[in-house]
Amino acid sequence: MSHHDKLIAAFEVYQSENEKFHGKGVKASAARARKALQEIAGSCKERRKEITAEKEALEGKPKGDGMSQDAARHAHIRK
């Protein structure tokens, strides 16, 4: 399962559990909703990495060339 699919599935779980918690007052659903949110956060980070790699592959630019944004920012400050 791709990170995109995991993200969608976790969001659907979150919606369902959040509705149970707020709508019906099921306390156990709060923990399941929080777990789904944690999975969403992890999948978001991984998907961002995938998108960056895909973008760089399209540009034909290997990862690691040039300075990172943070390094460029610090170099600019030092001038």
N, C-alpha and C. Protein backbone atom coordinates (compact mmCIF):
# COMPACT_ATOMS: atom_id res chain seq x y z
N MET A 1 0.85 -1.18 0.00
CA MET A 1 0.00 0.00 0.00
C MET A 1 0.90 1.24 0.00
N SER A 2 0.62 2.17 -0.89
CA SER A 2 1.43 3.39 -0.97
C SER A 2 1.11 4.32 0.19
N HIS A 3 1.99 5.27 0.40
CA HIS A 3 1.76 6.24 1.48
C HIS A 3 0.52 7.08 1.20
N HIS A 4 0.25 7.32 -0.07
CA HIS A 4 -0.97 8.05 -0.44
C HIS A 4 -2.20 7.27 0.00
N ASP A 5 -2.21 5.97 -0.29
CA ASP A 5 -3.35 5.14 0.10
C ASP A 5 -3.48 5.02 1.62
N LYS A 6 -2.33 4.91 2.30
CA LYS A 6 -2.35 4.85 3.77
C LYS A 6 -2.93 6.13 4.35
N LEU A 7 -2.58 7.25 3.74
CA LEU A 7 -3.07 8.55 4.19
C LEU A 7 -4.59 8.63 4.06
N ILE A 8 -5.10 8.20 2.92
CA ILE A 8 -6.55 8.22 2.68
C ILE A 8 -7.26 7.30 3.67
N ALA A 9 -6.73 6.08 3.85
CA ALA A 9 -7.35 5.10 4.75
C ALA A 9 -7.36 5.62 6.19
N ALA A 10 -6.23 6.19 6.63
CA ALA A 10 -6.15 6.70 8.00
C ALA A 10 -7.12 7.86 8.21
N PHE A 11 -7.29 8.69 7.19
CA PHE A 11 -8.23 9.80 7.32
C PHE A 11 -9.66 9.29 7.44
N GLU A 12 -9.99 8.24 6.69
CA GLU A 12 -11.33 7.67 6.78
C GLU A 12 -11.58 7.08 8.17
N VAL A 13 -10.56 6.42 8.73
CA VAL A 13 -10.68 5.89 10.10
C VAL A 13 -10.87 7.04 11.07
N TYR A 14 -10.07 8.09 10.90
CA TYR A 14 -10.19 9.25 11.78
C TYR A 14 -11.61 9.84 11.75
N GLN A 15 -12.14 10.03 10.55
CA GLN A 15 -13.49 10.59 10.43
C GLN A 15 -14.51 9.74 11.16
N SER A 16 -14.43 8.44 10.96
CA SER A 16 -15.38 7.52 11.58
C SER A 16 -15.27 7.55 13.11
N GLU A 17 -14.05 7.45 13.60
CA GLU A 17 -13.85 7.43 15.06
C GLU A 17 -14.17 8.77 15.70
N ASN A 18 -13.86 9.85 15.00
CA ASN A 18 -14.17 11.18 15.53
C ASN A 18 -15.69 11.37 15.64
N GLU A 19 -16.43 10.87 14.67
CA GLU A 19 -17.89 10.95 14.70
C GLU A 19 -18.44 10.14 15.87
N LYS A 20 -17.88 8.96 16.10
CA LYS A 20 -18.32 8.13 17.23
C LYS A 20 -18.05 8.82 18.55
N PHE A 21 -16.88 9.47 18.64
CA PHE A 21 -16.52 10.15 19.88
C PHE A 21 -17.41 11.37 20.14
N HIS A 22 -17.54 12.24 19.13
CA HIS A 22 -18.32 13.46 19.32
C HIS A 22 -19.83 13.21 19.24
N GLY A 23 -20.24 12.37 18.32
CA GLY A 23 -21.67 12.15 18.12
C GLY A 23 -22.31 11.24 19.15
N LYS A 24 -21.60 10.17 19.52
CA LYS A 24 -22.19 9.16 20.40
C LYS A 24 -21.54 9.12 21.78
N GLY A 25 -20.43 9.84 21.94
CA GLY A 25 -19.76 9.88 23.23
C GLY A 25 -18.98 8.62 23.57
N VAL A 26 -18.55 7.88 22.57
CA VAL A 26 -17.79 6.65 22.81
C VAL A 26 -16.34 7.06 23.14
N LYS A 27 -15.96 6.88 24.40
CA LYS A 27 -14.64 7.33 24.84
C LYS A 27 -13.50 6.56 24.18
N ALA A 28 -13.69 5.28 23.90
CA ALA A 28 -12.63 4.47 23.27
C ALA A 28 -12.32 4.99 21.86
N SER A 29 -13.29 5.62 21.24
CA SER A 29 -13.07 6.16 19.89
C SER A 29 -12.09 7.31 19.90
N ALA A 30 -11.97 8.00 21.01
CA ALA A 30 -11.02 9.12 21.10
C ALA A 30 -9.60 8.60 20.89
N ALA A 31 -9.27 7.48 21.53
CA ALA A 31 -7.92 6.91 21.37
C ALA A 31 -7.69 6.44 19.94
N ARG A 32 -8.70 5.84 19.33
CA ARG A 32 -8.56 5.37 17.95
C ARG A 32 -8.44 6.55 16.98
N ALA A 33 -9.14 7.64 17.26
CA ALA A 33 -9.05 8.84 16.41
C ALA A 33 -7.65 9.44 16.53
N ARG A 34 -7.12 9.48 17.76
CA ARG A 34 -5.78 10.01 17.96
C ARG A 34 -4.73 9.15 17.27
N LYS A 35 -4.91 7.82 17.32
CA LYS A 35 -3.99 6.91 16.65
C LYS A 35 -4.02 7.16 15.14
N ALA A 36 -5.21 7.33 14.58
CA ALA A 36 -5.34 7.60 13.15
C ALA A 36 -4.64 8.91 12.78
N LEU A 37 -4.76 9.92 13.64
CA LEU A 37 -4.10 11.19 13.38
C LEU A 37 -2.58 11.03 13.39
N GLN A 38 -2.07 10.17 14.27
CA GLN A 38 -0.63 9.91 14.31
C GLN A 38 -0.18 9.22 13.03
N GLU A 39 -0.97 8.28 12.54
CA GLU A 39 -0.66 7.60 11.29
C GLU A 39 -0.70 8.57 10.11
N ILE A 40 -1.64 9.50 10.15
CA ILE A 40 -1.73 10.53 9.10
C ILE A 40 -0.46 11.36 9.09
N ALA A 41 0.01 11.76 10.27
CA ALA A 41 1.22 12.58 10.35
C ALA A 41 2.42 11.84 9.75
N GLY A 42 2.57 10.58 10.08
CA GLY A 42 3.68 9.80 9.54
C GLY A 42 3.58 9.62 8.04
N SER A 43 2.39 9.32 7.56
CA SER A 43 2.19 9.15 6.12
C SER A 43 2.42 10.45 5.36
N CYS A 44 2.05 11.57 5.98
CA CYS A 44 2.29 12.88 5.34
C CYS A 44 3.78 13.11 5.14
N LYS A 45 4.58 12.82 6.16
CA LYS A 45 6.02 13.01 6.07
C LYS A 45 6.62 12.14 4.97
N GLU A 46 6.21 10.88 4.93
CA GLU A 46 6.74 9.97 3.93
C GLU A 46 6.28 10.36 2.52
N ARG A 47 5.04 10.78 2.39
CA ARG A 47 4.53 11.17 1.08
C ARG A 47 5.25 12.42 0.57
N ARG A 48 5.55 13.35 1.47
CA ARG A 48 6.30 14.55 1.08
C ARG A 48 7.66 14.15 0.50
N LYS A 49 8.33 13.18 1.13
CA LYS A 49 9.63 12.71 0.63
C LYS A 49 9.47 12.09 -0.75
N GLU A 50 8.42 11.30 -0.93
CA GLU A 50 8.17 10.68 -2.24
C GLU A 50 7.94 11.73 -3.32
N ILE A 51 7.14 12.72 -3.00
CA ILE A 51 6.83 13.77 -3.98
C ILE A 51 8.09 14.53 -4.35
N THR A 52 8.94 14.84 -3.37
CA THR A 52 10.19 15.54 -3.65
C THR A 52 11.08 14.70 -4.56
N ALA A 53 11.18 13.41 -4.28
CA ALA A 53 12.00 12.52 -5.11
C ALA A 53 11.45 12.44 -6.53
N GLU A 54 10.13 12.34 -6.65
CA GLU A 54 9.50 12.28 -7.98
C GLU A 54 9.75 13.57 -8.76
N LYS A 55 9.63 14.70 -8.07
CA LYS A 55 9.85 16.00 -8.71
C LYS A 55 11.28 16.12 -9.20
N GLU A 56 12.23 15.73 -8.35
CA GLU A 56 13.63 15.81 -8.73
C GLU A 56 13.96 14.86 -9.88
N ALA A 57 13.30 13.72 -9.92
CA ALA A 57 13.51 12.77 -11.02
C ALA A 57 13.01 13.37 -12.32
N LEU A 58 11.90 14.08 -12.27
CA LEU A 58 11.37 14.72 -13.47
C LEU A 58 12.29 15.83 -13.96
N GLU A 59 12.91 16.52 -13.03
CA GLU A 59 13.82 17.60 -13.39
C GLU A 59 15.18 17.07 -13.83
N GLY A 60 15.42 15.78 -13.58
CA GLY A 60 16.70 15.19 -13.93
C GLY A 60 17.82 15.63 -13.02
N LYS A 61 17.45 16.07 -11.85
CA LYS A 61 18.43 16.56 -10.89
C LYS A 61 18.58 15.54 -9.76
N PRO A 62 19.76 14.96 -9.60
CA PRO A 62 19.94 14.01 -8.51
C PRO A 62 19.88 14.71 -7.16
N LYS A 63 19.34 14.03 -6.18
CA LYS A 63 19.22 14.60 -4.85
C LYS A 63 20.61 14.84 -4.27
N GLY A 64 20.77 15.95 -3.59
CA GLY A 64 22.03 16.25 -2.95
C GLY A 64 22.86 17.28 -3.69
N ASP A 65 22.48 17.67 -4.89
CA ASP A 65 23.22 18.70 -5.61
C ASP A 65 22.87 20.07 -5.03
N GLY A 66 23.85 20.89 -4.91
CA GLY A 66 23.61 22.24 -4.43
C GLY A 66 23.42 22.29 -2.93
N MET A 67 23.02 23.44 -2.46
CA MET A 67 22.81 23.65 -1.03
C MET A 67 21.36 23.43 -0.67
N SER A 68 21.17 23.03 0.57
CA SER A 68 19.80 22.95 1.08
C SER A 68 19.30 24.37 1.30
N GLN A 69 18.02 24.52 1.45
CA GLN A 69 17.46 25.85 1.69
C GLN A 69 18.01 26.43 2.98
N ASP A 70 18.16 25.57 4.00
CA ASP A 70 18.67 26.03 5.28
C ASP A 70 20.12 26.51 5.15
N ALA A 71 20.94 25.74 4.43
CA ALA A 71 22.34 26.13 4.23
C ALA A 71 22.43 27.43 3.43
N ALA A 72 21.59 27.57 2.42
CA ALA A 72 21.59 28.79 1.61
C ALA A 72 21.18 29.99 2.45
N ARG A 73 20.22 29.80 3.32
CA ARG A 73 19.76 30.87 4.20
C ARG A 73 20.91 31.33 5.11
N HIS A 74 21.63 30.35 5.69
CA HIS A 74 22.74 30.68 6.59
C HIS A 74 23.88 31.33 5.83
N ALA A 75 24.15 30.89 4.60
CA ALA A 75 25.21 31.49 3.79
C ALA A 75 24.88 32.96 3.49
N HIS A 76 23.61 33.21 3.22
CA HIS A 76 23.17 34.57 2.94
C HIS A 76 23.33 35.46 4.18
N ILE A 77 23.03 34.93 5.33
CA ILE A 77 23.12 35.69 6.58
C ILE A 77 24.58 36.04 6.89
N ARG A 78 25.50 35.12 6.59
CA ARG A 78 26.90 35.33 6.91
C ARG A 78 27.55 36.41 6.03
N LYS A 79 27.00 36.70 4.89
CA LYS A 79 27.62 37.67 3.96
C LYS A 79 27.62 39.06 4.52
